[in-house]
Amino acid sequence: MILSSFKISDDSILPIINHLIPLNQLTQINFLSTCDLLNGLLKLLCFTSNLNSLTFNSLLMGECTVKLLPQNEKFQYIASANKIKNLHILHKCSLANLQLLANLFSKVEYLKIEIIEEQITDIIRFLLIKPNHILQNLFLLCISQSSIKYLEHFNNLIRSECLLNDYFIKYVNDDLYLWW
């Protein structure tokens, strides 16, 4: 399912959509426009129990959202119940936002993100440090719109801090892939 200008501000719209398209049968959703995490995505995820792939171009997360959301009951329910294994964040993601998303989608195996350059080392540390009790299933990372200079930077960081023992890193078409 591809959603472009989809707003979930009214709670009555989801049951109507669910009646037309059984949301619990969806396995993939792509948001083409900005998605509001608190008011949109969380409401939708309550209805999509079999979703395993989620992509969004932009996600609204204010500082209040990042701090308060993990205490939200709906957030905690979705964090424990969702089955999302593939997560694509097609906008620059800060460490704080990534930590929040990691808590929400802890079963992720493949993560594709664009990273804020100033936080790249901290983000890689967060994703790879062991034991990582949050993203313990993650084994494939793609950093999109990356520079080739990060290939050596990541290699040096991983080796110097012993973040991974066995891994493969490759740069393809402006994307940096890391498997372990």
N, C-alpha and C. Protein backbone atom coordinates (compact mmCIF):
# COMPACT_ATOMS: atom_id res chain seq x y z
N MET A 1 0.85 -1.17 0.00
CA MET A 1 0.00 0.00 0.00
C MET A 1 0.89 1.23 0.00
N ILE A 2 0.61 2.16 -0.87
CA ILE A 2 1.35 3.41 -0.96
C ILE A 2 0.44 4.55 -0.54
N LEU A 3 0.91 5.32 0.43
CA LEU A 3 0.12 6.44 0.94
C LEU A 3 0.86 7.72 0.62
N SER A 4 0.19 8.64 -0.09
CA SER A 4 0.86 9.89 -0.42
C SER A 4 0.39 11.01 0.48
N SER A 5 -0.82 11.47 0.35
CA SER A 5 -1.30 12.55 1.22
C SER A 5 -2.36 11.96 2.14
N PHE A 6 -1.90 11.25 3.12
CA PHE A 6 -2.77 10.49 4.00
C PHE A 6 -2.68 11.09 5.40
N LYS A 7 -3.79 11.59 5.91
CA LYS A 7 -3.81 12.17 7.25
C LYS A 7 -4.75 11.34 8.12
N ILE A 8 -4.25 11.02 9.29
CA ILE A 8 -5.06 10.23 10.21
C ILE A 8 -5.34 11.09 11.43
N SER A 9 -6.03 12.18 11.23
CA SER A 9 -6.34 13.07 12.34
C SER A 9 -7.65 12.69 13.00
N ASP A 10 -8.49 11.99 12.30
CA ASP A 10 -9.79 11.59 12.80
C ASP A 10 -9.77 10.08 13.01
N ASP A 11 -10.10 9.65 14.23
CA ASP A 11 -10.06 8.22 14.55
C ASP A 11 -11.05 7.39 13.75
N SER A 12 -12.07 8.02 13.17
CA SER A 12 -13.09 7.26 12.45
C SER A 12 -12.63 6.81 11.06
N ILE A 13 -11.57 7.39 10.53
CA ILE A 13 -11.15 7.05 9.17
C ILE A 13 -10.53 5.65 9.07
N LEU A 14 -9.81 5.22 10.09
CA LEU A 14 -9.16 3.91 10.02
C LEU A 14 -10.14 2.75 9.95
N PRO A 15 -11.20 2.73 10.74
CA PRO A 15 -12.17 1.64 10.57
C PRO A 15 -12.81 1.63 9.19
N ILE A 16 -13.01 2.80 8.60
CA ILE A 16 -13.58 2.86 7.25
C ILE A 16 -12.60 2.27 6.25
N ILE A 17 -11.34 2.68 6.34
CA ILE A 17 -10.32 2.12 5.44
C ILE A 17 -10.18 0.62 5.68
N ASN A 18 -10.21 0.22 6.93
CA ASN A 18 -10.08 -1.20 7.27
C ASN A 18 -11.23 -2.01 6.67
N HIS A 19 -12.40 -1.41 6.57
CA HIS A 19 -13.54 -2.10 5.96
C HIS A 19 -13.33 -2.26 4.46
N LEU A 20 -12.73 -1.27 3.81
CA LEU A 20 -12.47 -1.32 2.37
C LEU A 20 -11.28 -2.21 2.03
N ILE A 21 -10.21 -2.04 2.77
CA ILE A 21 -8.97 -2.81 2.59
C ILE A 21 -8.62 -3.40 3.95
N PRO A 22 -8.65 -4.69 4.12
CA PRO A 22 -8.31 -5.27 5.43
C PRO A 22 -6.86 -4.92 5.81
N LEU A 23 -6.70 -3.97 6.70
CA LEU A 23 -5.37 -3.48 7.05
C LEU A 23 -4.50 -4.56 7.69
N ASN A 24 -5.11 -5.52 8.36
CA ASN A 24 -4.32 -6.57 8.99
C ASN A 24 -3.69 -7.52 7.97
N GLN A 25 -4.09 -7.41 6.70
CA GLN A 25 -3.49 -8.23 5.65
C GLN A 25 -2.33 -7.54 4.94
N LEU A 26 -2.14 -6.26 5.21
CA LEU A 26 -1.04 -5.53 4.58
C LEU A 26 0.30 -6.01 5.13
N THR A 27 1.27 -6.15 4.25
CA THR A 27 2.62 -6.51 4.69
C THR A 27 3.62 -5.39 4.43
N GLN A 28 3.23 -4.39 3.64
CA GLN A 28 4.14 -3.30 3.30
C GLN A 28 3.36 -2.00 3.13
N ILE A 29 3.93 -0.92 3.69
CA ILE A 29 3.35 0.42 3.51
C ILE A 29 4.49 1.38 3.18
N ASN A 30 4.25 2.22 2.17
CA ASN A 30 5.19 3.27 1.78
C ASN A 30 4.50 4.62 1.93
N PHE A 31 5.03 5.46 2.79
CA PHE A 31 4.53 6.83 2.94
C PHE A 31 5.33 7.71 2.00
N LEU A 32 4.67 8.34 1.05
CA LEU A 32 5.36 9.20 0.09
C LEU A 32 5.47 10.63 0.58
N SER A 33 4.67 11.01 1.55
CA SER A 33 4.75 12.36 2.10
C SER A 33 5.07 12.26 3.59
N THR A 34 5.10 13.39 4.24
CA THR A 34 5.43 13.43 5.65
C THR A 34 4.39 12.70 6.49
N CYS A 35 4.89 11.93 7.41
CA CYS A 35 4.02 11.17 8.31
C CYS A 35 4.25 11.67 9.73
N ASP A 36 3.18 11.93 10.45
CA ASP A 36 3.25 12.36 11.84
C ASP A 36 3.27 11.11 12.71
N LEU A 37 4.38 10.89 13.40
CA LEU A 37 4.55 9.66 14.18
C LEU A 37 3.47 9.50 15.23
N LEU A 38 3.23 10.53 16.01
CA LEU A 38 2.29 10.42 17.11
C LEU A 38 0.85 10.29 16.64
N ASN A 39 0.43 11.15 15.73
CA ASN A 39 -0.97 11.17 15.33
C ASN A 39 -1.30 10.27 14.16
N GLY A 40 -0.33 9.89 13.38
CA GLY A 40 -0.61 9.12 12.19
C GLY A 40 -0.12 7.69 12.25
N LEU A 41 1.17 7.54 12.31
CA LEU A 41 1.77 6.22 12.20
C LEU A 41 1.33 5.28 13.32
N LEU A 42 1.33 5.75 14.55
CA LEU A 42 0.94 4.87 15.66
C LEU A 42 -0.49 4.38 15.52
N LYS A 43 -1.39 5.27 15.09
CA LYS A 43 -2.78 4.85 14.90
C LYS A 43 -2.88 3.79 13.81
N LEU A 44 -2.18 4.01 12.72
CA LEU A 44 -2.21 3.06 11.61
C LEU A 44 -1.61 1.71 12.01
N LEU A 45 -0.52 1.73 12.75
CA LEU A 45 0.14 0.49 13.14
C LEU A 45 -0.71 -0.38 14.06
N CYS A 46 -1.65 0.22 14.76
CA CYS A 46 -2.57 -0.57 15.59
C CYS A 46 -3.43 -1.50 14.75
N PHE A 47 -3.65 -1.15 13.49
CA PHE A 47 -4.52 -1.94 12.61
C PHE A 47 -3.74 -2.86 11.67
N THR A 48 -2.43 -2.74 11.62
CA THR A 48 -1.64 -3.48 10.64
C THR A 48 -0.73 -4.49 11.33
N SER A 49 -1.31 -5.51 11.89
CA SER A 49 -0.55 -6.47 12.69
C SER A 49 0.41 -7.33 11.88
N ASN A 50 0.23 -7.45 10.58
CA ASN A 50 1.11 -8.29 9.76
C ASN A 50 2.10 -7.50 8.92
N LEU A 51 2.24 -6.24 9.21
CA LEU A 51 3.14 -5.38 8.45
C LEU A 51 4.59 -5.79 8.72
N ASN A 52 5.37 -6.04 7.66
CA ASN A 52 6.78 -6.38 7.86
C ASN A 52 7.74 -5.42 7.18
N SER A 53 7.21 -4.49 6.38
CA SER A 53 8.07 -3.53 5.69
C SER A 53 7.43 -2.15 5.73
N LEU A 54 8.20 -1.17 6.15
CA LEU A 54 7.69 0.19 6.30
C LEU A 54 8.71 1.17 5.72
N THR A 55 8.23 2.06 4.86
CA THR A 55 9.08 3.08 4.25
C THR A 55 8.41 4.44 4.41
N PHE A 56 9.18 5.43 4.81
CA PHE A 56 8.63 6.78 4.79
C PHE A 56 9.70 7.79 4.40
N ASN A 57 9.25 8.79 3.64
CA ASN A 57 10.15 9.84 3.16
C ASN A 57 10.50 10.82 4.25
N SER A 58 9.56 11.14 5.08
CA SER A 58 9.78 12.13 6.12
C SER A 58 8.88 11.80 7.29
N LEU A 59 9.38 12.03 8.48
CA LEU A 59 8.64 11.70 9.68
C LEU A 59 8.70 12.89 10.63
N LEU A 60 7.53 13.35 11.07
CA LEU A 60 7.48 14.46 12.02
C LEU A 60 7.70 13.93 13.42
N MET A 61 8.78 14.37 14.04
CA MET A 61 9.05 14.02 15.43
C MET A 61 9.65 15.24 16.09
N GLY A 62 8.86 15.89 16.92
CA GLY A 62 9.38 17.02 17.67
C GLY A 62 10.15 16.53 18.88
N GLU A 63 10.82 17.46 19.56
CA GLU A 63 11.60 17.08 20.74
C GLU A 63 10.70 16.50 21.82
N CYS A 64 9.49 17.05 21.96
CA CYS A 64 8.53 16.51 22.94
C CYS A 64 8.17 15.07 22.59
N THR A 65 7.97 14.80 21.31
CA THR A 65 7.62 13.45 20.88
C THR A 65 8.70 12.47 21.27
N VAL A 66 9.95 12.81 21.01
CA VAL A 66 11.07 11.92 21.30
C VAL A 66 11.16 11.62 22.79
N LYS A 67 10.88 12.62 23.64
CA LYS A 67 11.00 12.43 25.08
C LYS A 67 9.78 11.74 25.70
N LEU A 68 8.58 12.09 25.23
CA LEU A 68 7.36 11.61 25.88
C LEU A 68 6.78 10.34 25.27
N LEU A 69 7.04 10.11 24.01
CA LEU A 69 6.39 9.01 23.31
C LEU A 69 6.65 7.63 23.90
N PRO A 70 7.87 7.30 24.33
CA PRO A 70 8.09 5.96 24.88
C PRO A 70 7.21 5.62 26.08
N GLN A 71 6.65 6.64 26.76
CA GLN A 71 5.76 6.37 27.89
C GLN A 71 4.31 6.19 27.45
N ASN A 72 4.01 6.46 26.19
CA ASN A 72 2.67 6.35 25.64
C ASN A 72 2.28 4.87 25.56
N GLU A 73 1.08 4.53 26.03
CA GLU A 73 0.61 3.14 26.03
C GLU A 73 0.54 2.56 24.63
N LYS A 74 0.07 3.35 23.68
CA LYS A 74 -0.03 2.88 22.29
C LYS A 74 1.36 2.57 21.74
N PHE A 75 2.32 3.42 22.05
CA PHE A 75 3.71 3.20 21.62
C PHE A 75 4.23 1.88 22.19
N GLN A 76 4.01 1.65 23.47
CA GLN A 76 4.49 0.43 24.12
C GLN A 76 3.83 -0.81 23.54
N TYR A 77 2.53 -0.72 23.26
CA TYR A 77 1.82 -1.86 22.66
C TYR A 77 2.39 -2.18 21.28
N ILE A 78 2.55 -1.16 20.45
CA ILE A 78 3.05 -1.36 19.08
C ILE A 78 4.49 -1.86 19.12
N ALA A 79 5.29 -1.34 20.03
CA ALA A 79 6.68 -1.78 20.14
C ALA A 79 6.77 -3.28 20.44
N SER A 80 5.86 -3.78 21.23
CA SER A 80 5.90 -5.21 21.55
C SER A 80 5.20 -6.08 20.52
N ALA A 81 4.23 -5.54 19.80
CA ALA A 81 3.40 -6.36 18.91
C ALA A 81 3.79 -6.31 17.43
N ASN A 82 4.46 -5.26 16.98
CA ASN A 82 4.71 -5.14 15.54
C ASN A 82 5.71 -6.18 15.05
N LYS A 83 5.64 -6.47 13.75
CA LYS A 83 6.50 -7.49 13.13
C LYS A 83 7.39 -6.89 12.04
N ILE A 84 7.63 -5.61 12.10
CA ILE A 84 8.38 -4.94 11.04
C ILE A 84 9.84 -5.38 11.06
N LYS A 85 10.28 -5.91 9.93
CA LYS A 85 11.65 -6.39 9.78
C LYS A 85 12.47 -5.51 8.83
N ASN A 86 11.80 -4.78 7.95
CA ASN A 86 12.47 -3.90 6.99
C ASN A 86 11.99 -2.47 7.22
N LEU A 87 12.91 -1.60 7.56
CA LEU A 87 12.57 -0.21 7.83
C LEU A 87 13.44 0.69 6.97
N HIS A 88 12.79 1.52 6.16
CA HIS A 88 13.49 2.46 5.28
C HIS A 88 13.10 3.87 5.68
N ILE A 89 14.06 4.65 6.11
CA ILE A 89 13.83 6.05 6.48
C ILE A 89 14.57 6.88 5.44
N LEU A 90 13.82 7.50 4.55
CA LEU A 90 14.42 8.16 3.40
C LEU A 90 14.63 9.66 3.63
N HIS A 91 14.93 10.03 4.84
CA HIS A 91 15.28 11.41 5.16
C HIS A 91 16.39 11.37 6.20
N LYS A 92 17.04 12.49 6.43
CA LYS A 92 18.13 12.51 7.40
C LYS A 92 17.58 12.24 8.79
N CYS A 93 18.22 11.32 9.46
CA CYS A 93 17.74 10.86 10.76
C CYS A 93 18.78 11.18 11.83
N SER A 94 18.34 11.81 12.91
CA SER A 94 19.25 12.12 14.02
C SER A 94 19.37 10.90 14.93
N LEU A 95 20.35 10.93 15.81
CA LEU A 95 20.54 9.84 16.76
C LEU A 95 19.32 9.70 17.67
N ALA A 96 18.79 10.82 18.17
CA ALA A 96 17.62 10.76 19.06
C ALA A 96 16.42 10.14 18.35
N ASN A 97 16.18 10.53 17.11
CA ASN A 97 15.07 9.95 16.35
C ASN A 97 15.29 8.47 16.08
N LEU A 98 16.52 8.11 15.76
CA LEU A 98 16.84 6.70 15.49
C LEU A 98 16.66 5.85 16.75
N GLN A 99 17.04 6.38 17.90
CA GLN A 99 16.86 5.65 19.15
C GLN A 99 15.38 5.40 19.43
N LEU A 100 14.55 6.41 19.17
CA LEU A 100 13.11 6.26 19.35
C LEU A 100 12.56 5.20 18.39
N LEU A 101 12.95 5.28 17.12
CA LEU A 101 12.48 4.30 16.13
C LEU A 101 12.99 2.90 16.45
N ALA A 102 14.20 2.80 16.96
CA ALA A 102 14.74 1.49 17.34
C ALA A 102 13.92 0.87 18.46
N ASN A 103 13.47 1.68 19.40
CA ASN A 103 12.61 1.17 20.47
C ASN A 103 11.24 0.76 19.95
N LEU A 104 10.75 1.47 18.96
CA LEU A 104 9.44 1.15 18.39
C LEU A 104 9.51 -0.07 17.47
N PHE A 105 10.58 -0.19 16.70
CA PHE A 105 10.72 -1.29 15.72
C PHE A 105 11.93 -2.15 16.08
N SER A 106 11.91 -2.76 17.22
CA SER A 106 13.08 -3.50 17.73
C SER A 106 13.35 -4.82 16.99
N LYS A 107 12.41 -5.28 16.19
CA LYS A 107 12.60 -6.55 15.46
C LYS A 107 13.22 -6.34 14.07
N VAL A 108 13.62 -5.13 13.78
CA VAL A 108 14.17 -4.80 12.45
C VAL A 108 15.43 -5.62 12.17
N GLU A 109 15.46 -6.17 10.95
CA GLU A 109 16.63 -6.91 10.47
C GLU A 109 17.41 -6.10 9.43
N TYR A 110 16.69 -5.32 8.63
CA TYR A 110 17.31 -4.50 7.59
C TYR A 110 16.87 -3.06 7.80
N LEU A 111 17.84 -2.19 7.94
CA LEU A 111 17.58 -0.77 8.16
C LEU A 111 18.27 0.04 7.08
N LYS A 112 17.49 0.87 6.39
CA LYS A 112 18.04 1.78 5.38
C LYS A 112 17.73 3.19 5.84
N ILE A 113 18.78 3.99 6.05
CA ILE A 113 18.60 5.34 6.56
C ILE A 113 19.56 6.31 5.88
N GLU A 114 19.20 7.57 5.99
CA GLU A 114 20.11 8.65 5.62
C GLU A 114 20.46 9.33 6.94
N ILE A 115 21.74 9.53 7.18
CA ILE A 115 22.21 9.97 8.49
C ILE A 115 22.69 11.42 8.45
N ILE A 116 22.45 12.14 9.55
CA ILE A 116 23.01 13.48 9.72
C ILE A 116 24.52 13.31 9.89
N GLU A 117 25.27 13.95 9.02
CA GLU A 117 26.72 13.74 8.94
C GLU A 117 27.44 13.95 10.27
N GLU A 118 27.05 14.95 11.02
CA GLU A 118 27.74 15.26 12.27
C GLU A 118 27.56 14.16 13.32
N GLN A 119 26.55 13.32 13.16
CA GLN A 119 26.25 12.29 14.16
C GLN A 119 26.58 10.88 13.66
N ILE A 120 27.26 10.78 12.55
CA ILE A 120 27.44 9.48 11.91
C ILE A 120 28.19 8.48 12.80
N THR A 121 29.23 8.92 13.49
CA THR A 121 29.99 8.02 14.35
C THR A 121 29.14 7.54 15.52
N ASP A 122 28.41 8.45 16.16
CA ASP A 122 27.55 8.06 17.29
C ASP A 122 26.44 7.12 16.84
N ILE A 123 25.89 7.35 15.66
CA ILE A 123 24.82 6.49 15.16
C ILE A 123 25.35 5.09 14.87
N ILE A 124 26.51 5.00 14.24
CA ILE A 124 27.09 3.68 13.95
C ILE A 124 27.40 2.95 15.25
N ARG A 125 27.95 3.66 16.22
CA ARG A 125 28.20 3.04 17.54
C ARG A 125 26.90 2.52 18.14
N PHE A 126 25.87 3.34 18.13
CA PHE A 126 24.57 2.94 18.69
C PHE A 126 24.05 1.67 18.02
N LEU A 127 24.15 1.60 16.70
CA LEU A 127 23.61 0.46 15.97
C LEU A 127 24.44 -0.81 16.14
N LEU A 128 25.74 -0.67 16.34
CA LEU A 128 26.61 -1.85 16.33
C LEU A 128 27.13 -2.28 17.69
N ILE A 129 27.05 -1.43 18.69
CA ILE A 129 27.63 -1.78 19.98
C ILE A 129 26.97 -3.04 20.54
N LYS A 130 27.75 -3.91 21.10
CA LYS A 130 27.25 -5.16 21.66
C LYS A 130 27.41 -5.13 23.16
N PRO A 131 26.49 -5.62 23.92
CA PRO A 131 25.23 -6.15 23.44
C PRO A 131 24.25 -5.03 23.15
N ASN A 132 23.58 -5.11 22.03
CA ASN A 132 22.54 -4.15 21.67
C ASN A 132 21.21 -4.84 21.92
N HIS A 133 20.65 -4.58 23.08
CA HIS A 133 19.40 -5.24 23.46
C HIS A 133 18.20 -4.72 22.68
N ILE A 134 18.35 -3.57 22.05
CA ILE A 134 17.23 -3.00 21.32
C ILE A 134 17.13 -3.61 19.93
N LEU A 135 18.20 -3.53 19.16
CA LEU A 135 18.17 -4.00 17.77
C LEU A 135 18.99 -5.28 17.62
N GLN A 136 18.66 -6.27 18.41
CA GLN A 136 19.45 -7.50 18.40
C GLN A 136 19.29 -8.33 17.13
N ASN A 137 18.24 -8.08 16.33
CA ASN A 137 18.03 -8.83 15.09
C ASN A 137 18.65 -8.15 13.87
N LEU A 138 19.09 -6.92 14.02
CA LEU A 138 19.64 -6.16 12.89
C LEU A 138 20.91 -6.83 12.36
N PHE A 139 20.95 -7.08 11.05
CA PHE A 139 22.15 -7.66 10.45
C PHE A 139 22.56 -6.99 9.15
N LEU A 140 21.72 -6.09 8.63
CA LEU A 140 22.03 -5.39 7.39
C LEU A 140 21.67 -3.92 7.54
N LEU A 141 22.64 -3.08 7.29
CA LEU A 141 22.47 -1.63 7.39
C LEU A 141 22.85 -1.00 6.06
N CYS A 142 21.99 -0.12 5.58
CA CYS A 142 22.29 0.65 4.37
C CYS A 142 22.21 2.13 4.74
N ILE A 143 23.30 2.82 4.53
CA ILE A 143 23.31 4.26 4.75
C ILE A 143 23.23 4.90 3.37
N SER A 144 22.06 5.45 3.07
CA SER A 144 21.83 5.99 1.73
C SER A 144 22.39 7.40 1.60
N GLN A 145 22.63 7.79 0.36
CA GLN A 145 23.18 9.11 0.04
C GLN A 145 24.46 9.36 0.83
N SER A 146 25.29 8.35 0.91
CA SER A 146 26.52 8.41 1.68
C SER A 146 27.70 8.74 0.77
N SER A 147 28.76 9.16 1.38
CA SER A 147 29.99 9.44 0.64
C SER A 147 30.92 8.24 0.73
N ILE A 148 31.72 8.04 -0.28
CA ILE A 148 32.68 6.93 -0.29
C ILE A 148 33.68 7.06 0.85
N LYS A 149 33.91 8.28 1.34
CA LYS A 149 34.88 8.48 2.43
C LYS A 149 34.48 7.73 3.70
N TYR A 150 33.18 7.44 3.85
CA TYR A 150 32.73 6.74 5.05
C TYR A 150 33.07 5.26 5.05
N LEU A 151 33.39 4.72 3.91
CA LEU A 151 33.77 3.31 3.83
C LEU A 151 34.97 3.05 4.74
N GLU A 152 36.01 3.82 4.57
CA GLU A 152 37.20 3.65 5.40
C GLU A 152 36.93 4.09 6.84
N HIS A 153 36.16 5.15 7.00
CA HIS A 153 35.82 5.62 8.35
C HIS A 153 35.11 4.52 9.15
N PHE A 154 34.13 3.87 8.54
CA PHE A 154 33.40 2.79 9.22
C PHE A 154 34.31 1.61 9.52
N ASN A 155 35.13 1.25 8.55
CA ASN A 155 36.07 0.15 8.75
C ASN A 155 36.98 0.43 9.95
N ASN A 156 37.54 1.62 10.00
CA ASN A 156 38.42 2.00 11.11
C ASN A 156 37.67 2.01 12.44
N LEU A 157 36.48 2.56 12.45
CA LEU A 157 35.68 2.61 13.67
C LEU A 157 35.34 1.20 14.17
N ILE A 158 34.90 0.35 13.28
CA ILE A 158 34.52 -1.03 13.64
C ILE A 158 35.72 -1.79 14.18
N ARG A 159 36.86 -1.64 13.54
CA ARG A 159 38.07 -2.36 13.98
C ARG A 159 38.62 -1.80 15.29
N SER A 160 38.73 -0.48 15.38
CA SER A 160 39.34 0.13 16.57
C SER A 160 38.51 -0.08 17.83
N GLU A 161 37.19 -0.14 17.68
CA GLU A 161 36.33 -0.31 18.86
C GLU A 161 35.78 -1.73 18.97
N CYS A 162 36.25 -2.62 18.10
CA CYS A 162 35.82 -4.04 18.12
C CYS A 162 34.29 -4.15 18.14
N LEU A 163 33.64 -3.41 17.26
CA LEU A 163 32.17 -3.41 17.23
C LEU A 163 31.62 -4.68 16.57
N LEU A 164 32.34 -5.22 15.59
CA LEU A 164 31.91 -6.43 14.90
C LEU A 164 33.13 -7.31 14.65
N ASN A 165 32.91 -8.63 14.66
CA ASN A 165 33.99 -9.56 14.33
C ASN A 165 33.98 -9.88 12.84
N ASP A 166 32.87 -10.38 12.37
CA ASP A 166 32.72 -10.75 10.96
C ASP A 166 31.74 -9.80 10.30
N TYR A 167 32.19 -9.11 9.29
CA TYR A 167 31.31 -8.18 8.58
C TYR A 167 31.81 -7.99 7.16
N PHE A 168 30.93 -7.46 6.35
CA PHE A 168 31.25 -7.13 4.96
C PHE A 168 30.71 -5.74 4.71
N ILE A 169 31.52 -4.90 4.12
CA ILE A 169 31.11 -3.53 3.86
C ILE A 169 31.35 -3.21 2.38
N LYS A 170 30.39 -2.55 1.77
CA LYS A 170 30.50 -2.26 0.34
C LYS A 170 29.78 -0.96 0.02
N TYR A 171 30.34 -0.22 -0.93
CA TYR A 171 29.77 1.05 -1.39
C TYR A 171 29.22 0.85 -2.79
N VAL A 172 27.91 1.07 -2.98
CA VAL A 172 27.26 0.87 -4.28
C VAL A 172 26.29 2.02 -4.53
N ASN A 173 26.48 2.73 -5.64
CA ASN A 173 25.54 3.78 -6.07
C ASN A 173 25.15 4.76 -4.96
N ASP A 174 26.12 5.35 -4.33
CA ASP A 174 25.91 6.33 -3.26
C ASP A 174 25.31 5.75 -1.98
N ASP A 175 25.27 4.45 -1.86
CA ASP A 175 24.78 3.79 -0.65
C ASP A 175 25.90 2.93 -0.07
N LEU A 176 26.01 2.97 1.24
CA LEU A 176 27.00 2.17 1.94
C LEU A 176 26.28 1.02 2.65
N TYR A 177 26.65 -0.20 2.33
CA TYR A 177 26.02 -1.39 2.90
C TYR A 177 26.96 -2.06 3.89
N LEU A 178 26.41 -2.47 5.01
CA LEU A 178 27.18 -3.17 6.02
C LEU A 178 26.38 -4.40 6.46
N TRP A 179 26.97 -5.59 6.25
CA TRP A 179 26.35 -6.86 6.67
C TRP A 179 27.19 -7.46 7.78
N TRP A 180 26.55 -8.13 8.71
CA TRP A 180 27.30 -8.86 9.75
C TRP A 180 26.51 -10.05 10.23
